[in-house]
């Protein structure tokens, strides 16, 4: 066996090998193999964390509470949130809206005290809300399940001079005021439903859970 240190060659049985190239190639093979194993291992390590951040199928089916940011909701405006596959409305009422609701007589409403309607105990009041400024309702008519349309007091309408703003169901003509209270003489038997909710801050409302009875 003879070596040529100057060129880095190793001669063995008539064959010649470049020891520098062999070592270099082996080094890259080891680095590549280690990288592949490391990447596979990292994939298995990350997967459980990614999965844990996704809502479980059971939680989705049960209708987990949802948060709504109301910081950009202007007076008179309505925003929609989905909870349990249903539309939930959040309306920011003006001071005029609140005054109009308080001035309505019991003869103008089918269930003025919400005795026959569905709402948490804390929303069983004139404005049917926790905060007078904000109304939270399930946006489904209590007649046959259509979704009413929001009409403000100033919007064009044909509901008569007594209309102070509220909701009109285009399917069968039921009307509700800005507290979700149904008027007499329409098909809907009860007021619109108020879902469980609570305020996490001045700008965030949690729909689907409250401090009274937990999640609905």
N, C-alpha and C. Protein backbone atom coordinates (compact mmCIF):
# COMPACT_ATOMS: atom_id res chain seq x y z
N UNK A 1 0.86 -1.18 0.00
CA UNK A 1 0.00 0.00 0.00
C UNK A 1 0.88 1.22 0.00
N UNK A 2 0.59 2.19 -0.85
CA UNK A 2 1.38 3.41 -0.92
C UNK A 2 0.43 4.58 -0.93
N UNK A 3 0.89 5.67 -0.37
CA UNK A 3 0.06 6.87 -0.33
C UNK A 3 0.77 8.00 -1.00
N UNK A 4 0.01 8.92 -1.51
CA UNK A 4 0.54 10.13 -2.10
C UNK A 4 -0.06 11.28 -1.30
N UNK A 5 0.59 11.69 -0.22
CA UNK A 5 0.04 12.70 0.69
C UNK A 5 -0.14 14.03 0.00
N UNK A 6 0.70 14.29 -1.01
CA UNK A 6 0.59 15.59 -1.66
C UNK A 6 -0.71 15.74 -2.41
N UNK A 7 -1.21 14.63 -3.01
CA UNK A 7 -2.43 14.72 -3.78
C UNK A 7 -3.65 14.21 -3.03
N UNK A 8 -3.37 13.57 -1.88
CA UNK A 8 -4.48 13.06 -1.10
C UNK A 8 -5.07 11.81 -1.69
N UNK A 9 -4.30 11.03 -2.42
CA UNK A 9 -4.81 9.81 -3.05
C UNK A 9 -4.41 8.61 -2.22
N UNK A 10 -5.24 7.58 -2.20
CA UNK A 10 -4.94 6.32 -1.54
C UNK A 10 -5.00 5.24 -2.59
N UNK A 11 -3.86 4.51 -2.79
CA UNK A 11 -3.80 3.45 -3.81
C UNK A 11 -3.98 2.11 -3.13
N UNK A 12 -4.90 1.27 -3.65
CA UNK A 12 -5.14 -0.03 -3.06
C UNK A 12 -5.47 -1.02 -4.17
N UNK A 13 -4.57 -2.02 -4.35
CA UNK A 13 -4.74 -3.04 -5.37
C UNK A 13 -4.99 -2.44 -6.76
N UNK A 14 -4.22 -1.48 -7.07
CA UNK A 14 -4.31 -0.92 -8.41
C UNK A 14 -5.39 0.11 -8.56
N UNK A 15 -6.30 0.28 -7.59
CA UNK A 15 -7.36 1.28 -7.68
C UNK A 15 -6.95 2.52 -6.94
N UNK A 16 -7.39 3.64 -7.38
CA UNK A 16 -7.05 4.91 -6.75
C UNK A 16 -8.31 5.58 -6.24
N UNK A 17 -8.26 6.12 -5.02
CA UNK A 17 -9.39 6.83 -4.41
C UNK A 17 -8.92 8.17 -3.90
N UNK A 18 -9.71 9.18 -4.04
CA UNK A 18 -9.41 10.51 -3.50
C UNK A 18 -9.97 10.54 -2.09
N UNK A 19 -9.08 10.51 -1.09
CA UNK A 19 -9.54 10.46 0.31
C UNK A 19 -10.27 11.72 0.71
N UNK A 20 -9.89 12.86 0.15
CA UNK A 20 -10.58 14.10 0.49
C UNK A 20 -12.02 14.07 -0.02
N UNK A 21 -12.23 13.55 -1.26
CA UNK A 21 -13.57 13.48 -1.80
C UNK A 21 -14.43 12.47 -1.04
N UNK A 22 -13.81 11.34 -0.66
CA UNK A 22 -14.56 10.34 0.09
C UNK A 22 -15.03 10.90 1.41
N UNK A 23 -14.14 11.56 2.14
CA UNK A 23 -14.50 12.13 3.44
C UNK A 23 -15.53 13.24 3.28
N UNK A 24 -15.36 14.05 2.24
CA UNK A 24 -16.31 15.14 2.00
C UNK A 24 -17.70 14.59 1.69
N UNK A 25 -17.75 13.56 0.82
CA UNK A 25 -19.03 12.97 0.46
C UNK A 25 -19.69 12.30 1.65
N UNK A 26 -18.88 11.62 2.47
CA UNK A 26 -19.43 10.96 3.65
C UNK A 26 -20.00 11.98 4.62
N UNK A 27 -19.31 13.12 4.75
CA UNK A 27 -19.77 14.15 5.66
C UNK A 27 -21.11 14.72 5.21
N UNK A 28 -21.29 14.96 3.93
CA UNK A 28 -22.57 15.47 3.43
C UNK A 28 -23.68 14.44 3.56
N UNK A 29 -23.35 13.16 3.37
CA UNK A 29 -24.35 12.10 3.54
C UNK A 29 -24.86 12.07 4.98
N UNK A 30 -23.92 12.16 5.94
CA UNK A 30 -24.29 12.12 7.35
C UNK A 30 -25.13 13.34 7.73
N UNK A 31 -24.76 14.51 7.21
CA UNK A 31 -25.52 15.73 7.50
C UNK A 31 -26.93 15.62 6.93
N UNK A 32 -27.03 15.11 5.67
CA UNK A 32 -28.34 14.98 5.03
C UNK A 32 -29.23 14.00 5.76
N UNK A 33 -28.65 12.85 6.15
CA UNK A 33 -29.44 11.84 6.86
C UNK A 33 -29.92 12.37 8.19
N UNK A 34 -29.04 13.09 8.89
CA UNK A 34 -29.42 13.66 10.18
C UNK A 34 -30.53 14.68 10.03
N UNK A 35 -30.47 15.48 8.95
CA UNK A 35 -31.49 16.51 8.71
C UNK A 35 -32.84 15.89 8.45
N UNK A 36 -32.85 14.80 7.65
CA UNK A 36 -34.11 14.13 7.34
C UNK A 36 -34.74 13.56 8.59
N UNK A 37 -33.93 12.86 9.40
CA UNK A 37 -34.44 12.28 10.64
C UNK A 37 -34.94 13.37 11.56
N UNK A 38 -34.20 14.49 11.64
CA UNK A 38 -34.61 15.60 12.50
C UNK A 38 -35.90 16.21 12.04
N UNK A 39 -36.08 16.36 10.72
CA UNK A 39 -37.31 16.95 10.19
C UNK A 39 -38.51 16.06 10.47
N UNK A 40 -38.34 14.74 10.29
CA UNK A 40 -39.43 13.81 10.57
C UNK A 40 -39.79 13.86 12.05
N UNK A 41 -38.76 13.87 12.90
CA UNK A 41 -39.00 13.94 14.34
C UNK A 41 -39.70 15.21 14.72
N UNK A 42 -39.29 16.33 14.10
CA UNK A 42 -39.94 17.61 14.39
C UNK A 42 -41.39 17.60 13.98
N UNK A 43 -41.68 16.92 12.83
CA UNK A 43 -43.06 16.83 12.38
C UNK A 43 -43.93 16.12 13.39
N UNK A 44 -43.43 15.01 13.95
CA UNK A 44 -44.20 14.29 14.96
C UNK A 44 -44.33 15.10 16.23
N UNK A 45 -43.33 15.91 16.54
CA UNK A 45 -43.38 16.70 17.77
C UNK A 45 -44.37 17.85 17.65
N UNK A 46 -44.47 18.46 16.45
CA UNK A 46 -45.32 19.62 16.27
C UNK A 46 -46.79 19.22 16.12
N UNK A 47 -47.05 18.09 15.47
CA UNK A 47 -48.42 17.70 15.17
C UNK A 47 -49.36 17.71 16.36
N UNK A 48 -48.97 17.16 17.52
CA UNK A 48 -49.91 17.18 18.65
C UNK A 48 -50.27 18.59 19.10
N UNK A 49 -49.34 19.53 19.01
CA UNK A 49 -49.61 20.91 19.42
C UNK A 49 -50.57 21.58 18.45
N UNK A 50 -50.40 21.34 17.15
CA UNK A 50 -51.30 21.92 16.16
C UNK A 50 -52.71 21.37 16.36
N UNK A 51 -52.81 20.07 16.57
CA UNK A 51 -54.11 19.46 16.77
C UNK A 51 -54.79 19.99 18.01
N UNK A 52 -54.01 20.21 19.05
CA UNK A 52 -54.60 20.65 20.31
C UNK A 52 -55.14 22.07 20.21
N UNK A 53 -54.69 22.85 19.22
CA UNK A 53 -55.17 24.21 19.08
C UNK A 53 -56.48 24.27 18.28
N UNK A 54 -56.87 23.17 17.63
CA UNK A 54 -58.10 23.15 16.86
C UNK A 54 -59.27 22.77 17.76
N UNK A 55 -60.45 23.41 17.58
CA UNK A 55 -61.62 23.03 18.37
C UNK A 55 -61.99 21.57 18.09
N UNK A 56 -62.32 20.84 19.13
CA UNK A 56 -62.70 19.45 18.96
C UNK A 56 -64.05 19.36 18.25
N UNK A 57 -64.30 18.21 17.61
CA UNK A 57 -65.58 18.00 16.93
C UNK A 57 -66.73 18.08 17.92
N UNK A 58 -66.49 17.58 19.13
CA UNK A 58 -67.55 17.63 20.15
C UNK A 58 -67.87 19.06 20.54
N UNK A 59 -66.82 19.90 20.67
CA UNK A 59 -67.04 21.30 21.03
C UNK A 59 -67.78 22.03 19.92
N UNK A 60 -67.43 21.73 18.67
CA UNK A 60 -68.11 22.37 17.55
C UNK A 60 -69.57 21.95 17.49
N UNK A 61 -69.83 20.67 17.73
CA UNK A 61 -71.20 20.18 17.68
C UNK A 61 -72.04 20.76 18.81
N UNK A 62 -71.41 20.97 19.96
CA UNK A 62 -72.13 21.49 21.11
C UNK A 62 -72.37 22.99 21.00
N UNK A 63 -71.65 23.63 20.11
CA UNK A 63 -71.82 25.07 19.93
C UNK A 63 -71.11 25.85 21.00
N UNK A 64 -69.79 25.79 20.98
CA UNK A 64 -69.00 26.50 21.97
C UNK A 64 -69.27 27.99 21.91
N UNK A 65 -69.17 28.69 23.04
CA UNK A 65 -69.38 30.15 23.05
C UNK A 65 -68.45 30.85 22.07
N UNK A 66 -68.91 31.95 21.53
CA UNK A 66 -68.09 32.73 20.59
C UNK A 66 -67.96 34.17 21.08
N UNK A 67 -66.82 34.76 20.82
CA UNK A 67 -66.57 36.15 21.20
C UNK A 67 -66.86 37.08 20.03
N UNK A 68 -67.39 38.24 20.33
CA UNK A 68 -67.68 39.23 19.29
C UNK A 68 -67.06 40.57 19.71
N UNK A 69 -66.29 41.15 18.81
CA UNK A 69 -65.67 42.45 19.04
C UNK A 69 -66.64 43.54 18.58
N UNK A 70 -67.12 44.34 19.51
CA UNK A 70 -68.11 45.37 19.17
C UNK A 70 -67.49 46.77 19.18
N UNK A 71 -66.17 46.83 19.18
CA UNK A 71 -65.49 48.12 19.30
C UNK A 71 -65.77 49.05 18.12
N UNK A 72 -66.06 48.49 16.94
CA UNK A 72 -66.28 49.32 15.76
C UNK A 72 -67.76 49.48 15.41
N UNK A 73 -68.63 48.98 16.27
CA UNK A 73 -70.07 49.08 16.01
C UNK A 73 -70.57 50.48 16.36
N UNK A 74 -71.07 51.18 15.36
CA UNK A 74 -71.53 52.55 15.55
C UNK A 74 -72.99 52.57 16.01
N UNK A 75 -73.42 53.64 16.70
CA UNK A 75 -74.82 53.75 17.11
C UNK A 75 -75.75 53.60 15.91
N UNK A 76 -76.78 52.77 16.05
CA UNK A 76 -77.72 52.51 14.97
C UNK A 76 -77.35 51.33 14.09
N UNK A 77 -76.15 50.80 14.25
CA UNK A 77 -75.69 49.72 13.40
C UNK A 77 -75.97 48.35 14.03
N UNK A 78 -75.97 47.33 13.16
CA UNK A 78 -76.15 45.94 13.58
C UNK A 78 -75.02 45.10 13.00
N UNK A 79 -74.52 44.15 13.78
CA UNK A 79 -73.55 43.20 13.27
C UNK A 79 -74.07 41.78 13.50
N UNK A 80 -73.60 40.84 12.68
CA UNK A 80 -74.05 39.45 12.75
C UNK A 80 -72.91 38.56 13.24
N UNK A 81 -73.25 37.61 14.10
CA UNK A 81 -72.31 36.61 14.60
C UNK A 81 -72.99 35.26 14.49
N UNK A 82 -72.22 34.23 14.15
CA UNK A 82 -72.80 32.89 14.07
C UNK A 82 -72.51 32.12 15.35
N UNK A 83 -73.56 31.54 15.92
CA UNK A 83 -73.43 30.71 17.12
C UNK A 83 -74.38 29.54 16.98
N UNK A 84 -73.83 28.30 17.12
CA UNK A 84 -74.63 27.09 16.95
C UNK A 84 -75.33 27.03 15.59
N UNK A 85 -74.70 27.60 14.59
CA UNK A 85 -75.27 27.60 13.26
C UNK A 85 -76.40 28.59 13.07
N UNK A 86 -76.61 29.45 14.05
CA UNK A 86 -77.69 30.44 13.98
C UNK A 86 -77.12 31.85 13.89
N UNK A 87 -77.83 32.77 13.23
CA UNK A 87 -77.39 34.16 13.24
C UNK A 87 -77.74 34.82 14.57
N UNK A 88 -76.78 35.49 15.13
CA UNK A 88 -77.01 36.29 16.34
C UNK A 88 -76.73 37.74 15.99
N UNK A 89 -77.68 38.60 16.32
CA UNK A 89 -77.54 40.02 16.03
C UNK A 89 -77.06 40.77 17.26
N UNK A 90 -76.19 41.73 17.03
CA UNK A 90 -75.80 42.68 18.07
C UNK A 90 -76.10 44.07 17.52
N UNK A 91 -77.00 44.76 18.16
CA UNK A 91 -77.42 46.09 17.71
C UNK A 91 -76.99 47.13 18.75
N UNK A 92 -76.36 48.18 18.26
CA UNK A 92 -76.02 49.30 19.15
C UNK A 92 -77.11 50.37 19.03
N UNK A 93 -77.91 50.49 20.04
CA UNK A 93 -79.05 51.41 20.00
C UNK A 93 -78.65 52.82 20.40
N UNK A 94 -79.24 53.79 19.73
CA UNK A 94 -78.99 55.18 20.06
C UNK A 94 -79.79 55.55 21.32
N UNK A 95 -79.50 56.69 21.87
CA UNK A 95 -80.28 57.17 23.03
C UNK A 95 -81.73 57.38 22.64
N UNK A 96 -81.97 57.81 21.42
CA UNK A 96 -83.34 57.98 20.94
C UNK A 96 -84.06 56.63 20.86
N UNK A 97 -83.34 55.61 20.38
CA UNK A 97 -83.92 54.27 20.32
C UNK A 97 -84.35 53.81 21.71
N UNK A 98 -83.51 54.02 22.67
CA UNK A 98 -83.80 53.59 24.04
C UNK A 98 -85.02 54.32 24.60
N UNK A 99 -85.09 55.61 24.33
CA UNK A 99 -86.22 56.41 24.80
C UNK A 99 -87.52 55.94 24.14
N UNK A 100 -87.47 55.65 22.84
CA UNK A 100 -88.65 55.17 22.13
C UNK A 100 -89.15 53.85 22.71
N UNK A 101 -88.24 52.96 23.05
CA UNK A 101 -88.63 51.67 23.59
C UNK A 101 -89.31 51.82 24.95
N UNK A 102 -88.77 52.68 25.76
CA UNK A 102 -89.34 52.89 27.09
C UNK A 102 -90.71 53.57 27.03
N UNK A 103 -90.96 54.31 25.95
CA UNK A 103 -92.22 55.03 25.81
C UNK A 103 -93.34 54.19 25.21
N UNK A 104 -93.02 53.01 24.71
CA UNK A 104 -94.04 52.18 24.08
C UNK A 104 -95.02 51.64 25.12
N UNK A 105 -96.30 51.69 24.80
CA UNK A 105 -97.33 51.19 25.72
C UNK A 105 -97.52 49.70 25.59
N UNK A 106 -98.09 49.08 26.63
CA UNK A 106 -98.28 47.64 26.62
C UNK A 106 -99.26 47.21 25.52
N UNK A 107 -100.15 48.13 25.10
CA UNK A 107 -101.09 47.80 24.05
C UNK A 107 -100.44 47.72 22.68
N UNK A 108 -99.19 48.18 22.59
CA UNK A 108 -98.47 48.14 21.32
C UNK A 108 -97.63 46.87 21.18
N UNK A 109 -97.65 46.02 22.20
CA UNK A 109 -96.81 44.82 22.21
C UNK A 109 -97.62 43.60 22.61
N UNK A 110 -97.29 42.46 22.05
CA UNK A 110 -98.01 41.23 22.38
C UNK A 110 -97.57 40.68 23.74
N UNK A 111 -96.27 40.71 24.01
CA UNK A 111 -95.73 40.20 25.27
C UNK A 111 -94.80 41.26 25.86
N UNK A 112 -95.35 42.37 26.35
CA UNK A 112 -94.53 43.50 26.77
C UNK A 112 -93.56 43.19 27.91
N UNK A 113 -93.93 42.26 28.79
CA UNK A 113 -93.07 41.92 29.93
C UNK A 113 -92.25 40.66 29.69
N UNK A 114 -92.30 40.15 28.47
CA UNK A 114 -91.52 38.96 28.09
C UNK A 114 -91.81 37.76 28.98
N UNK A 115 -93.04 37.62 29.42
CA UNK A 115 -93.40 36.49 30.28
C UNK A 115 -93.54 35.19 29.50
N UNK A 116 -93.85 35.29 28.21
CA UNK A 116 -94.05 34.09 27.39
C UNK A 116 -92.87 33.87 26.44
N UNK A 117 -91.85 34.66 26.55
CA UNK A 117 -90.73 34.61 25.61
C UNK A 117 -89.49 34.05 26.28
N UNK A 118 -88.49 33.77 25.45
CA UNK A 118 -87.26 33.13 25.94
C UNK A 118 -86.14 34.15 26.02
N UNK A 119 -85.58 34.29 27.20
CA UNK A 119 -84.43 35.14 27.45
C UNK A 119 -83.90 34.81 28.85
N UNK A 120 -82.61 35.08 29.10
CA UNK A 120 -82.09 34.91 30.45
C UNK A 120 -82.79 35.88 31.40
N UNK A 121 -82.77 35.59 32.67
CA UNK A 121 -83.44 36.43 33.65
C UNK A 121 -82.90 37.85 33.64
N UNK A 122 -81.62 38.01 33.39
CA UNK A 122 -81.02 39.35 33.39
C UNK A 122 -81.45 40.17 32.18
N UNK A 123 -82.07 39.54 31.19
CA UNK A 123 -82.56 40.26 30.01
C UNK A 123 -84.07 40.38 30.00
N UNK A 124 -84.70 40.03 31.10
CA UNK A 124 -86.16 40.17 31.18
C UNK A 124 -86.50 41.54 31.74
N UNK A 125 -86.31 42.54 30.89
CA UNK A 125 -86.57 43.93 31.25
C UNK A 125 -87.05 44.67 30.01
N UNK A 126 -87.33 45.93 30.14
CA UNK A 126 -87.90 46.70 29.03
C UNK A 126 -87.03 46.65 27.78
N UNK A 127 -85.73 46.79 27.95
CA UNK A 127 -84.83 46.81 26.80
C UNK A 127 -84.29 45.43 26.45
N UNK A 128 -84.61 44.42 27.30
CA UNK A 128 -84.20 43.04 27.08
C UNK A 128 -82.70 42.93 26.84
N UNK A 129 -81.94 43.52 27.74
CA UNK A 129 -80.49 43.54 27.57
C UNK A 129 -79.79 43.72 28.90
N UNK A 130 -78.48 43.48 28.89
CA UNK A 130 -77.64 43.76 30.06
C UNK A 130 -77.29 45.23 30.08
N UNK A 131 -76.80 45.71 28.93
CA UNK A 131 -76.47 47.12 28.78
C UNK A 131 -77.53 47.78 27.90
N UNK A 132 -78.12 48.88 28.32
CA UNK A 132 -79.18 49.52 27.53
C UNK A 132 -78.78 49.82 26.09
N UNK A 133 -77.52 50.09 25.89
CA UNK A 133 -77.05 50.48 24.56
C UNK A 133 -77.02 49.31 23.57
N UNK A 134 -76.78 48.10 24.08
CA UNK A 134 -76.58 46.95 23.19
C UNK A 134 -77.69 45.92 23.33
N UNK A 135 -78.16 45.45 22.18
CA UNK A 135 -79.16 44.39 22.11
C UNK A 135 -78.52 43.17 21.47
N UNK A 136 -78.71 42.00 22.09
CA UNK A 136 -78.20 40.74 21.56
C UNK A 136 -79.39 39.81 21.35
N UNK A 137 -79.61 39.38 20.11
CA UNK A 137 -80.78 38.55 19.77
C UNK A 137 -80.39 37.42 18.83
N UNK A 138 -81.11 36.32 18.92
CA UNK A 138 -81.03 35.29 17.89
C UNK A 138 -81.89 35.78 16.73
N UNK A 139 -81.30 35.89 15.55
CA UNK A 139 -81.98 36.50 14.40
C UNK A 139 -82.89 35.56 13.65
N UNK A 140 -83.77 34.86 14.36
CA UNK A 140 -84.70 33.92 13.74
C UNK A 140 -86.11 34.22 14.23
N UNK A 141 -87.03 34.40 13.31
CA UNK A 141 -88.42 34.70 13.66
C UNK A 141 -89.01 33.55 14.46
N UNK A 142 -89.81 33.89 15.47
CA UNK A 142 -90.41 32.86 16.32
C UNK A 142 -91.67 32.26 15.70
N UNK A 143 -91.96 32.62 14.47
CA UNK A 143 -93.12 32.01 13.78
C UNK A 143 -92.69 30.72 13.10
N UNK A 144 -91.99 30.84 11.96
CA UNK A 144 -91.58 29.65 11.21
C UNK A 144 -90.10 29.62 10.88
N UNK A 145 -89.30 30.44 11.57
CA UNK A 145 -87.86 30.32 11.43
C UNK A 145 -87.20 31.11 10.34
N UNK A 146 -87.89 32.06 9.73
CA UNK A 146 -87.24 32.94 8.76
C UNK A 146 -86.34 33.93 9.50
N UNK A 147 -85.50 34.63 8.76
CA UNK A 147 -84.63 35.64 9.38
C UNK A 147 -85.14 37.04 9.03
N UNK A 148 -85.62 37.79 10.01
CA UNK A 148 -86.14 39.14 9.75
C UNK A 148 -85.06 40.11 9.27
N UNK A 149 -85.51 41.21 8.75
CA UNK A 149 -84.63 42.27 8.26
C UNK A 149 -84.64 43.44 9.23
N UNK A 150 -83.48 44.03 9.44
CA UNK A 150 -83.35 45.17 10.35
C UNK A 150 -83.74 46.46 9.61
N UNK A 151 -84.69 47.18 10.16
CA UNK A 151 -85.09 48.48 9.62
C UNK A 151 -84.93 49.53 10.73
N UNK A 152 -84.08 50.51 10.46
CA UNK A 152 -83.94 51.61 11.42
C UNK A 152 -85.14 52.55 11.30
N UNK A 153 -85.27 53.39 12.28
CA UNK A 153 -86.39 54.33 12.30
C UNK A 153 -86.39 55.21 11.06
N UNK A 154 -85.21 55.61 10.61
CA UNK A 154 -85.09 56.52 9.47
C UNK A 154 -85.09 55.82 8.11
N UNK A 155 -85.03 54.51 8.10
CA UNK A 155 -85.04 53.79 6.82
C UNK A 155 -86.44 53.85 6.18
N UNK A 156 -86.50 53.85 4.84
CA UNK A 156 -87.81 53.83 4.16
C UNK A 156 -88.59 52.58 4.55
N UNK A 157 -89.86 52.74 4.88
CA UNK A 157 -90.67 51.60 5.29
C UNK A 157 -92.15 51.93 5.10
N UNK A 158 -92.99 50.90 5.23
CA UNK A 158 -94.44 51.07 5.14
C UNK A 158 -95.11 50.48 6.37
N UNK A 159 -94.50 50.70 7.51
CA UNK A 159 -94.99 50.08 8.74
C UNK A 159 -95.86 51.02 9.58
N UNK A 160 -96.14 52.19 9.07
CA UNK A 160 -96.98 53.13 9.79
C UNK A 160 -96.19 54.16 10.56
N UNK A 161 -96.91 55.19 11.01
CA UNK A 161 -96.26 56.32 11.69
C UNK A 161 -95.71 55.95 13.06
N UNK A 162 -96.21 54.87 13.64
CA UNK A 162 -95.77 54.47 14.97
C UNK A 162 -94.47 53.66 14.96
N UNK A 163 -93.97 53.36 13.76
CA UNK A 163 -92.76 52.54 13.67
C UNK A 163 -91.54 53.31 14.18
N UNK A 164 -90.85 52.74 15.16
CA UNK A 164 -89.68 53.39 15.76
C UNK A 164 -88.38 52.64 15.46
N UNK A 165 -88.46 51.75 14.50
CA UNK A 165 -87.28 50.94 14.19
C UNK A 165 -87.41 49.56 14.79
N UNK A 166 -86.80 48.57 14.13
CA UNK A 166 -86.87 47.21 14.63
C UNK A 166 -86.60 46.20 13.53
N UNK A 167 -87.41 45.13 13.51
CA UNK A 167 -87.16 44.02 12.60
C UNK A 167 -88.47 43.58 11.93
N UNK A 168 -88.38 43.32 10.64
CA UNK A 168 -89.54 42.89 9.86
C UNK A 168 -89.22 41.56 9.21
N UNK A 169 -90.11 40.58 9.39
CA UNK A 169 -89.92 39.27 8.76
C UNK A 169 -90.61 39.26 7.40
N UNK A 170 -89.86 39.12 6.32
CA UNK A 170 -90.45 39.18 4.98
C UNK A 170 -91.27 37.95 4.62
N UNK A 171 -91.13 36.87 5.37
CA UNK A 171 -91.86 35.64 5.03
C UNK A 171 -93.35 35.77 5.28
N UNK A 172 -93.72 36.26 6.49
CA UNK A 172 -95.14 36.32 6.84
C UNK A 172 -95.53 37.62 7.52
N UNK A 173 -94.64 38.61 7.51
CA UNK A 173 -95.01 39.94 7.96
C UNK A 173 -94.94 40.23 9.44
N UNK A 174 -94.28 39.38 10.22
CA UNK A 174 -94.14 39.67 11.65
C UNK A 174 -93.19 40.84 11.87
N UNK A 175 -93.48 41.64 12.90
CA UNK A 175 -92.66 42.81 13.21
C UNK A 175 -92.27 42.80 14.68
N UNK A 176 -91.05 43.28 14.93
CA UNK A 176 -90.50 43.33 16.28
C UNK A 176 -89.84 44.68 16.48
N UNK A 177 -89.87 45.19 17.71
CA UNK A 177 -89.21 46.47 17.97
C UNK A 177 -87.73 46.26 18.23
N UNK A 178 -87.02 47.31 18.60
CA UNK A 178 -85.57 47.24 18.80
C UNK A 178 -85.18 46.61 20.13
N UNK A 179 -86.15 45.98 20.79
CA UNK A 179 -85.85 45.11 21.92
C UNK A 179 -86.21 43.67 21.56
N UNK A 180 -86.60 43.47 20.31
CA UNK A 180 -87.01 42.14 19.87
C UNK A 180 -88.39 41.75 20.32
N UNK A 181 -89.20 42.72 20.73
CA UNK A 181 -90.56 42.44 21.21
C UNK A 181 -91.54 42.47 20.03
N UNK A 182 -92.38 41.46 19.96
CA UNK A 182 -93.31 41.32 18.85
C UNK A 182 -94.53 42.22 19.05
N UNK A 183 -95.05 42.75 17.95
CA UNK A 183 -96.24 43.60 18.00
C UNK A 183 -97.48 42.73 17.81
N UNK A 184 -98.66 43.20 18.22
CA UNK A 184 -99.89 42.41 18.05
C UNK A 184 -100.29 42.28 16.57
N UNK A 185 -101.11 41.26 16.29
CA UNK A 185 -101.69 41.12 14.97
C UNK A 185 -100.79 40.54 13.91
N UNK A 186 -99.68 39.91 14.32
CA UNK A 186 -98.77 39.27 13.35
C UNK A 186 -98.64 37.79 13.71
N UNK A 187 -98.14 36.96 12.80
CA UNK A 187 -98.08 35.52 13.07
C UNK A 187 -97.15 35.11 14.21
N UNK A 188 -96.04 35.82 14.41
CA UNK A 188 -95.08 35.41 15.45
C UNK A 188 -95.73 35.45 16.82
N UNK A 189 -95.65 34.36 17.59
CA UNK A 189 -96.34 34.30 18.87
C UNK A 189 -95.58 34.93 20.04
N UNK A 190 -94.25 34.99 19.94
CA UNK A 190 -93.45 35.48 21.07
C UNK A 190 -92.34 36.41 20.58
N UNK A 191 -91.70 37.04 21.53
CA UNK A 191 -90.57 37.92 21.23
C UNK A 191 -89.40 37.10 20.68
N UNK A 192 -88.48 37.78 20.02
CA UNK A 192 -87.26 37.12 19.56
C UNK A 192 -86.45 36.64 20.76
N UNK A 193 -85.71 35.56 20.57
CA UNK A 193 -84.95 34.93 21.65
C UNK A 193 -83.68 35.73 21.96
N UNK A 194 -83.42 35.93 23.24
CA UNK A 194 -82.15 36.52 23.69
C UNK A 194 -81.26 35.37 24.16
N UNK A 195 -80.10 35.16 23.55
CA UNK A 195 -79.23 34.05 23.95
C UNK A 195 -78.45 34.39 25.22
N UNK A 196 -77.93 33.40 25.92
CA UNK A 196 -77.04 33.68 27.06
C UNK A 196 -75.83 34.47 26.57
N UNK A 197 -75.43 35.47 27.29
CA UNK A 197 -74.25 36.24 26.90
C UNK A 197 -73.74 37.04 28.10
N UNK A 198 -72.50 37.48 27.98
CA UNK A 198 -71.92 38.33 29.00
C UNK A 198 -70.81 39.16 28.37
N UNK A 199 -70.45 40.23 29.04
CA UNK A 199 -69.41 41.12 28.53
C UNK A 199 -68.08 40.79 29.19
N UNK A 200 -67.09 40.46 28.36
CA UNK A 200 -65.75 40.20 28.86
C UNK A 200 -64.98 41.50 29.07
N UNK A 201 -65.40 42.53 28.35
CA UNK A 201 -64.84 43.87 28.49
C UNK A 201 -65.84 44.84 27.89
N UNK A 202 -65.48 46.10 27.82
CA UNK A 202 -66.38 47.09 27.21
C UNK A 202 -66.56 46.87 25.72
N UNK A 203 -65.65 46.12 25.11
CA UNK A 203 -65.69 45.97 23.65
C UNK A 203 -65.82 44.52 23.19
N UNK A 204 -65.92 43.58 24.10
CA UNK A 204 -66.02 42.17 23.73
C UNK A 204 -67.17 41.52 24.48
N UNK A 205 -68.08 40.89 23.72
CA UNK A 205 -69.21 40.18 24.31
C UNK A 205 -69.07 38.69 23.98
N UNK A 206 -69.30 37.85 24.98
CA UNK A 206 -69.26 36.40 24.80
C UNK A 206 -70.67 35.89 24.65
N UNK A 207 -70.94 35.23 23.53
CA UNK A 207 -72.27 34.71 23.23
C UNK A 207 -72.29 33.21 23.44
N UNK A 208 -73.26 32.74 24.22
CA UNK A 208 -73.39 31.31 24.47
C UNK A 208 -73.07 30.90 25.88
N UNK A 209 -72.65 31.83 26.73
CA UNK A 209 -72.35 31.53 28.12
C UNK A 209 -72.55 32.79 28.95
N UNK A 210 -72.85 32.60 30.22
CA UNK A 210 -73.01 33.75 31.10
C UNK A 210 -72.60 33.37 32.52
N UNK A 211 -72.77 34.28 33.43
CA UNK A 211 -72.39 34.04 34.82
C UNK A 211 -73.53 33.46 35.65
N UNK A 212 -74.70 33.31 35.02
CA UNK A 212 -75.87 32.81 35.76
C UNK A 212 -75.95 31.29 35.68
N UNK A 213 -76.00 30.80 34.46
CA UNK A 213 -76.19 29.36 34.31
C UNK A 213 -75.15 28.67 33.46
N UNK A 214 -74.02 29.34 33.22
CA UNK A 214 -72.98 28.74 32.39
C UNK A 214 -73.38 28.74 30.93
N UNK A 215 -72.91 27.72 30.22
CA UNK A 215 -73.20 27.64 28.79
C UNK A 215 -74.60 27.12 28.57
N UNK A 216 -75.21 27.61 27.49
CA UNK A 216 -76.57 27.18 27.16
C UNK A 216 -76.54 25.86 26.42
